[in-house]
Amino acid sequence: MGLFIYGTSPSIHLEDRVLAHLRLVVMNKLRRSEPFMLDIDTGEIAGRRSLWMHASVPIQFHFHGSREPRINHHWVEQLMRAANGASGLTLLPEPDDTAGYPRHTERPRSRDVSRQSNKIASNTAAHTTSDDPEWGT
């Protein structure tokens, strides 16, 4: 369960999978300088929050898991269409059609891959000496 933080508002708990898809929509809309309304169910007694999403407000996406969910492009398209509409973005349920990808298959986040690359590089450097015939070539 990750956190969505908008400005100084209290954080909203969302599943990492939902958060990853929301992040893509928000990032694409604001990159195009297209502010929009986001209606989100907080899961609290108060129920819903409506947030005017604008690039001038700090936004944070905190993921609980270390792996990034595989993105369902059909879902992103649905969410983008909703965000472009007059009513703004409401988090819609994920469609079943995932273009042949399993819904919960995950791939490593880029920072995990980079950590692994750094570890491999440091191990390689530690085992390379001037006595090694391949060293320096």
Protein backbone atom coordinates (compact mmCIF):
# COMPACT_ATOMS: atom_id res chain seq x y z
CA MET A 1 0.00 0.00 0.00
CA GLY A 2 1.61 3.23 -1.18
CA LEU A 3 0.93 6.88 -0.43
CA PHE A 4 -0.23 9.71 -2.67
CA ILE A 5 0.63 13.12 -1.20
CA TYR A 6 -0.65 16.30 -2.80
CA GLY A 7 0.63 19.57 -1.40
CA THR A 8 0.05 19.83 2.34
CA SER A 9 -3.09 17.65 2.27
CA PRO A 10 -3.10 14.44 4.31
CA SER A 11 -1.72 11.46 2.41
CA ILE A 12 -4.05 9.02 0.66
CA HIS A 13 -3.33 5.28 0.84
CA LEU A 14 -3.49 3.50 -2.53
CA GLU A 15 -2.35 0.11 -3.78
CA ASP A 16 1.05 0.36 -5.49
CA ARG A 17 -0.50 -0.85 -8.76
CA VAL A 18 -3.13 1.93 -8.74
CA LEU A 19 -0.50 4.46 -7.66
CA ALA A 20 1.80 3.52 -10.57
CA HIS A 21 -1.00 4.08 -13.11
CA LEU A 22 -2.12 7.32 -11.45
CA ARG A 23 1.48 8.55 -11.54
CA LEU A 24 1.67 8.06 -15.31
CA VAL A 25 -1.55 9.97 -15.92
CA VAL A 26 -0.62 12.85 -13.61
CA MET A 27 2.89 13.05 -15.05
CA ASN A 28 1.63 13.15 -18.65
CA LYS A 29 -1.12 15.68 -18.00
CA LEU A 30 1.06 18.09 -16.04
CA ARG A 31 3.99 17.73 -18.45
CA ARG A 32 1.62 19.07 -21.12
CA SER A 33 0.57 21.92 -18.79
CA GLU A 34 -2.95 20.48 -18.56
CA PRO A 35 -4.29 20.87 -15.01
CA PHE A 36 -7.29 18.68 -14.17
CA MET A 37 -9.64 17.62 -11.39
CA LEU A 38 -8.94 14.37 -9.56
CA ASP A 39 -11.76 12.82 -7.53
CA ILE A 40 -10.41 10.16 -5.24
CA ASP A 41 -12.02 7.87 -2.68
CA THR A 42 -9.98 8.17 0.50
CA GLY A 43 -11.42 5.07 2.13
CA GLU A 44 -12.17 7.18 5.20
CA ILE A 45 -15.48 8.23 6.72
CA ALA A 46 -15.22 11.53 4.84
CA GLY A 47 -15.20 9.43 1.69
CA ARG A 48 -13.97 11.49 -1.24
CA ARG A 49 -11.57 14.28 -2.00
CA SER A 50 -11.52 16.45 -5.09
CA LEU A 51 -8.08 17.81 -5.89
CA TRP A 52 -7.26 20.37 -8.58
CA MET A 53 -4.09 18.87 -10.03
CA HIS A 54 -1.68 21.61 -11.05
CA ALA A 55 2.08 21.61 -11.67
CA SER A 56 2.63 24.34 -9.05
CA VAL A 57 1.57 22.00 -6.21
CA PRO A 58 4.15 19.47 -4.91
CA ILE A 59 3.12 15.87 -5.59
CA GLN A 60 4.65 12.74 -4.09
CA PHE A 61 4.11 9.09 -4.93
CA HIS A 62 5.49 6.79 -2.22
CA PHE A 63 5.55 3.13 -3.23
CA HIS A 64 5.61 0.49 -0.51
CA GLY A 65 7.01 -2.32 -2.66
CA SER A 66 10.43 -2.39 -4.29
CA ARG A 67 9.13 -3.65 -7.63
CA GLU A 68 7.26 -1.61 -10.21
CA PRO A 69 4.02 -3.21 -11.44
CA ARG A 70 3.71 -3.97 -15.14
CA ILE A 71 1.72 -1.16 -16.70
CA ASN A 72 -1.66 -1.94 -18.25
CA HIS A 73 -1.70 0.48 -21.19
CA HIS A 74 -5.44 -0.01 -21.71
CA TRP A 75 -6.04 1.21 -18.18
CA VAL A 76 -3.73 4.21 -18.65
CA GLU A 77 -5.66 5.14 -21.82
CA GLN A 78 -8.98 4.90 -19.95
CA LEU A 79 -7.66 7.06 -17.12
CA MET A 80 -6.25 9.62 -19.58
CA ARG A 81 -9.61 9.86 -21.36
CA ALA A 82 -11.33 10.40 -18.01
CA ALA A 83 -8.79 13.08 -17.01
CA ASN A 84 -9.41 14.86 -20.32
CA GLY A 85 -13.19 14.85 -19.76
CA ALA A 86 -15.32 17.59 -18.22
CA SER A 87 -15.71 15.68 -14.93
CA GLY A 88 -12.00 15.05 -14.48
CA LEU A 89 -10.28 11.88 -13.37
CA THR A 90 -11.94 9.33 -11.15
CA LEU A 91 -9.94 6.18 -10.48
CA LEU A 92 -11.67 3.59 -12.62
CA PRO A 93 -11.30 -0.15 -12.01
CA GLU A 94 -8.64 -1.86 -14.07
CA PRO A 95 -10.05 -3.42 -17.24
CA ASP A 96 -9.64 -7.17 -17.70
CA ASP A 97 -8.04 -6.77 -21.12
CA THR A 98 -4.35 -6.36 -20.37
CA ALA A 99 -2.97 -6.99 -23.86
CA GLY A 100 -1.80 -10.47 -22.92
CA TYR A 101 0.16 -9.41 -19.83
CA PRO A 102 -0.63 -10.91 -16.44
CA ARG A 103 -2.07 -8.23 -14.14
CA HIS A 104 0.33 -8.76 -11.26
CA THR A 105 3.56 -9.50 -13.07
CA GLU A 106 6.18 -7.11 -11.86
CA ARG A 107 9.48 -5.88 -13.21
CA PRO A 108 12.36 -4.38 -11.23
CA ARG A 109 12.32 -0.63 -10.68
CA SER A 110 15.16 1.18 -12.44
CA ARG A 111 16.92 1.89 -9.13
CA ASP A 112 17.04 -1.89 -8.41
CA VAL A 113 18.61 -2.55 -11.81
CA SER A 114 21.12 0.24 -11.26
CA ARG A 115 21.99 -1.14 -7.81
CA GLN A 116 22.61 -4.56 -9.38
CA SER A 117 24.77 -2.98 -12.12
CA ASN A 118 26.84 -1.13 -9.51
CA LYS A 119 27.32 -4.33 -7.51
CA ILE A 120 28.49 -6.20 -10.63
CA ALA A 121 30.85 -3.35 -11.55
CA SER A 122 32.37 -3.23 -8.06
CA ASN A 123 32.81 -7.03 -8.00
CA THR A 124 34.49 -6.90 -11.41
CA ALA A 125 36.80 -4.08 -10.29
CA ALA A 126 37.71 -5.96 -7.10
CA HIS A 127 38.80 -9.03 -9.10
CA THR A 128 40.74 -7.11 -11.75
CA THR A 129 44.44 -6.60 -10.99
CA SER A 130 47.53 -5.62 -12.93
CA ASP A 131 48.52 -9.34 -12.95
CA ASP A 132 45.39 -10.07 -14.96
CA PRO A 133 46.34 -10.39 -18.67
CA GLU A 134 42.98 -8.83 -19.63
CA TRP A 135 43.48 -5.82 -17.34
CA GLY A 136 44.02 -2.56 -19.14
CA THR A 137 43.11 -3.87 -22.59
